[in-house]
Amino acid sequence: MNGIKSGFGSLGTTTQIRSLCKLIVEDPGSRSSFLSEKFASFLDNCAEAFSLRKLHARIFAHGLGNHIFLGSKLLNCYAKFGLLSESKWVFNRIINGNLSLWNSILVGYFRSGHFEEVIRRYINLKQWNIGLDSAAITFSLKSCIELGNLEFGQGIHGDALKSGLNANGFVGSSLIGLYCKCGRIKMRLKCSKK
């Protein structure tokens, strides 16, 4: 038997799975890096929403509900399956001012086509006053491109200028895309010269 197909993708043999389950159950430190790495691996290979929910329950049962790395993976998985309410629930439980967590939810919503939600979360991010980075600005600009929202995109352009991120290649490319899509060729030319 080469492997078992499950909701978590292709796993090892039955003996390997039993051994892994025994290690997880008997692990004295429920917050060990071994445990979080195994859960992260399962999340990476999760193939269906039902398995994702079961895995999320196991993560909580082992006291890893506030683990930022696993939380980011959970956010992306829920967004991948279009389960926005679950994604929001996870996000709201582990939010702590971590910019990478904010970026995870922005990227997850963008990849799943929920562009308005990206914009809402970008507004929330600014309200928390955590700061911005090129990923937050880029995916928010890309959402404005998808929505054809020039006005909000110009506001993000202002944020990029204030934070000095307008010279970043990804941000600059997104700005050019925004102004091209919205028929603002002169602004596109200004952005490409910087």
Protein backbone atom coordinates (compact mmCIF):
# COMPACT_ATOMS: atom_id res chain seq x y z
CA MET A 1 0.00 0.00 0.00
CA ASN A 2 1.75 3.16 -1.19
CA GLY A 3 -0.50 5.71 0.43
CA ILE A 4 -4.00 6.54 1.49
CA LYS A 5 -6.09 9.24 -0.20
CA SER A 6 -8.04 11.33 2.26
CA GLY A 7 -9.37 14.83 2.67
CA PHE A 8 -5.84 15.80 3.60
CA GLY A 9 -4.36 14.69 0.30
CA SER A 10 -2.04 11.72 -0.03
CA LEU A 11 -0.84 10.47 3.34
CA GLY A 12 1.57 7.75 4.31
CA THR A 13 0.85 4.13 5.06
CA THR A 14 -1.61 3.06 7.74
CA THR A 15 1.30 2.32 10.10
CA GLN A 16 2.75 5.79 9.52
CA ILE A 17 -0.61 7.40 10.18
CA ARG A 18 -1.12 5.42 13.41
CA SER A 19 2.36 6.39 14.54
CA LEU A 20 1.71 10.06 13.77
CA CYS A 21 -1.66 10.01 15.60
CA LYS A 22 -0.01 8.36 18.63
CA LEU A 23 2.67 11.07 18.70
CA ILE A 24 0.03 13.80 18.47
CA VAL A 25 -2.13 12.32 21.23
CA GLU A 26 0.82 11.55 23.54
CA ASP A 27 2.70 14.79 22.88
CA PRO A 28 3.25 16.28 26.37
CA GLY A 29 3.67 19.80 25.00
CA SER A 30 0.53 20.48 23.00
CA ARG A 31 2.16 23.63 21.65
CA SER A 32 5.25 21.86 20.34
CA SER A 33 6.72 22.82 17.01
CA PHE A 34 6.33 19.20 15.86
CA LEU A 35 2.59 19.38 16.34
CA SER A 36 2.17 22.73 14.61
CA GLU A 37 4.34 21.54 11.68
CA LYS A 38 2.20 18.42 11.24
CA PHE A 39 -1.02 20.44 11.34
CA ALA A 40 0.48 22.91 8.86
CA SER A 41 1.35 20.03 6.53
CA PHE A 42 -2.20 18.69 6.74
CA LEU A 43 -3.61 22.17 6.04
CA ASP A 44 -1.40 22.49 2.96
CA ASN A 45 -2.88 19.27 1.58
CA CYS A 46 -6.48 19.73 2.70
CA ALA A 47 -8.73 18.92 -0.25
CA GLU A 48 -12.24 19.56 1.05
CA ALA A 49 -14.12 21.82 3.44
CA PHE A 50 -15.37 19.00 5.68
CA SER A 51 -11.82 17.79 6.35
CA LEU A 52 -10.72 21.37 6.95
CA ARG A 53 -13.35 21.83 9.65
CA LYS A 54 -12.32 18.57 11.33
CA LEU A 55 -8.68 19.62 11.22
CA HIS A 56 -9.55 23.04 12.64
CA ALA A 57 -11.32 21.32 15.55
CA ARG A 58 -8.20 19.22 16.22
CA ILE A 59 -6.04 22.34 16.18
CA PHE A 60 -8.29 23.91 18.80
CA ALA A 61 -8.38 20.72 20.87
CA HIS A 62 -4.59 20.81 21.11
CA GLY A 63 -4.54 24.41 22.34
CA LEU A 64 -3.20 25.89 19.11
CA GLY A 65 -6.22 28.09 18.37
CA ASN A 66 -4.19 31.30 18.66
CA HIS A 67 -1.15 30.06 16.75
CA ILE A 68 -0.45 32.77 14.13
CA PHE A 69 1.20 30.51 11.54
CA LEU A 70 -1.60 27.93 11.69
CA GLY A 71 -4.14 30.74 11.78
CA SER A 72 -2.76 32.16 8.55
CA LYS A 73 -3.01 28.75 6.91
CA LEU A 74 -6.56 28.27 8.21
CA LEU A 75 -7.57 31.68 6.85
CA ASN A 76 -6.25 30.83 3.41
CA CYS A 77 -7.86 27.38 3.40
CA TYR A 78 -11.27 28.71 4.40
CA ALA A 79 -11.00 31.45 1.79
CA LYS A 80 -9.94 28.87 -0.82
CA PHE A 81 -13.18 26.99 -0.21
CA GLY A 82 -15.20 30.22 -0.21
CA LEU A 83 -16.05 29.94 3.50
CA LEU A 84 -15.77 33.60 4.43
CA SER A 85 -17.66 33.42 7.72
CA GLU A 86 -15.26 30.74 9.02
CA SER A 87 -12.28 32.74 7.76
CA LYS A 88 -13.54 35.84 9.59
CA TRP A 89 -14.14 33.79 12.73
CA VAL A 90 -10.54 32.54 12.76
CA PHE A 91 -9.20 36.00 12.01
CA ASN A 92 -11.22 37.64 14.78
CA ARG A 93 -10.05 35.06 17.35
CA ILE A 94 -6.32 35.42 16.77
CA ILE A 95 -5.95 39.03 15.72
CA ASN A 96 -3.13 40.65 17.62
CA GLY A 97 -1.63 43.30 15.43
CA ASN A 98 0.40 40.90 13.32
CA LEU A 99 0.79 42.28 9.80
CA SER A 100 1.46 38.86 8.28
CA LEU A 101 -1.92 37.66 9.56
CA TRP A 102 -3.59 40.67 7.97
CA ASN A 103 -1.77 39.93 4.73
CA SER A 104 -2.95 36.32 4.86
CA ILE A 105 -6.56 37.36 4.96
CA LEU A 106 -6.07 39.93 2.19
CA VAL A 107 -4.36 37.38 -0.05
CA GLY A 108 -6.90 34.66 0.77
CA TYR A 109 -9.86 36.89 -0.06
CA PHE A 110 -8.19 38.13 -3.23
CA ARG A 111 -7.41 34.63 -4.48
CA SER A 112 -10.95 33.50 -3.81
CA GLY A 113 -12.39 36.47 -5.75
CA HIS A 114 -13.82 38.38 -2.77
CA PHE A 115 -12.42 41.75 -3.81
CA GLU A 116 -14.84 43.89 -1.79
CA GLU A 117 -13.84 41.99 1.34
CA VAL A 118 -10.18 42.78 0.60
CA ILE A 119 -11.08 46.47 0.52
CA ARG A 120 -13.03 46.21 3.80
CA ARG A 121 -10.13 44.45 5.49
CA TYR A 122 -7.67 47.01 4.14
CA ILE A 123 -9.76 49.74 5.77
CA ASN A 124 -9.74 47.75 9.03
CA LEU A 125 -5.97 47.32 8.79
CA LYS A 126 -5.49 51.07 8.51
CA GLN A 127 -7.81 51.64 11.48
CA TRP A 128 -5.67 49.33 13.63
CA ASN A 129 -2.69 51.54 12.73
CA ILE A 130 -0.35 48.54 12.44
CA GLY A 131 1.40 49.84 9.36
CA LEU A 132 1.39 48.80 5.75
CA ASP A 133 3.70 46.76 3.59
CA SER A 134 3.94 46.07 -0.12
CA ALA A 135 1.72 42.95 0.08
CA ALA A 136 -1.18 44.77 1.75
CA ILE A 137 -0.99 47.63 -0.75
CA THR A 138 -0.51 45.37 -3.79
CA PHE A 139 -3.45 43.05 -3.11
CA SER A 140 -5.68 45.97 -2.21
CA LEU A 141 -4.74 47.73 -5.46
CA LYS A 142 -5.34 44.51 -7.41
CA SER A 143 -8.79 44.32 -5.84
CA CYS A 144 -9.47 47.89 -6.95
CA ILE A 145 -8.42 46.87 -10.47
CA GLU A 146 -10.85 43.94 -10.43
CA LEU A 147 -13.66 46.16 -9.14
CA GLY A 148 -12.76 49.11 -11.38
CA ASN A 149 -12.66 51.29 -8.26
CA LEU A 150 -10.37 54.16 -9.25
CA GLU A 151 -11.32 56.39 -6.31
CA PHE A 152 -10.34 53.90 -3.63
CA GLY A 153 -7.28 52.90 -5.65
CA GLN A 154 -6.13 56.51 -5.65
CA GLY A 155 -6.47 56.54 -1.87
CA ILE A 156 -4.25 53.44 -1.68
CA HIS A 157 -1.82 55.18 -4.03
CA GLY A 158 -1.66 58.00 -1.47
CA ASP A 159 -0.96 55.45 1.28
CA ALA A 160 1.85 53.97 -0.84
CA LEU A 161 3.38 57.41 -1.28
CA LYS A 162 3.14 58.20 2.47
CA SER A 163 4.76 54.91 3.42
CA GLY A 164 7.43 55.08 0.73
CA LEU A 165 6.23 51.87 -0.91
CA ASN A 166 5.32 53.39 -4.29
CA ALA A 167 8.80 52.50 -5.60
CA ASN A 168 8.24 48.80 -4.85
CA GLY A 169 7.98 46.82 -8.11
CA PHE A 170 4.76 45.00 -7.19
CA VAL A 171 3.08 48.16 -5.95
CA GLY A 172 4.22 50.12 -9.02
CA SER A 173 2.97 47.43 -11.37
CA SER A 174 -0.40 47.38 -9.61
CA LEU A 175 -0.64 51.17 -9.81
CA ILE A 176 0.04 51.08 -13.55
CA GLY A 177 -2.60 48.37 -13.94
CA LEU A 178 -5.14 50.42 -11.99
CA TYR A 179 -4.66 53.58 -14.03
CA CYS A 180 -4.64 51.68 -17.33
CA LYS A 181 -7.85 49.83 -16.48
CA CYS A 182 -9.56 53.06 -15.48
CA GLY A 183 -8.37 54.98 -18.54
CA ARG A 184 -5.99 57.31 -16.71
CA ILE A 185 -3.01 57.09 -19.03
CA LYS A 186 -1.32 60.27 -17.72
CA MET A 187 -1.31 58.87 -14.16
CA ARG A 188 0.05 55.59 -15.52
CA LEU A 189 2.90 57.45 -17.17
CA LYS A 190 3.65 59.31 -13.90
CA CYS A 191 3.73 56.02 -11.98
CA SER A 192 6.01 54.33 -14.50
CA LYS A 193 8.56 57.17 -14.33
CA LYS A 194 9.05 56.83 -10.56
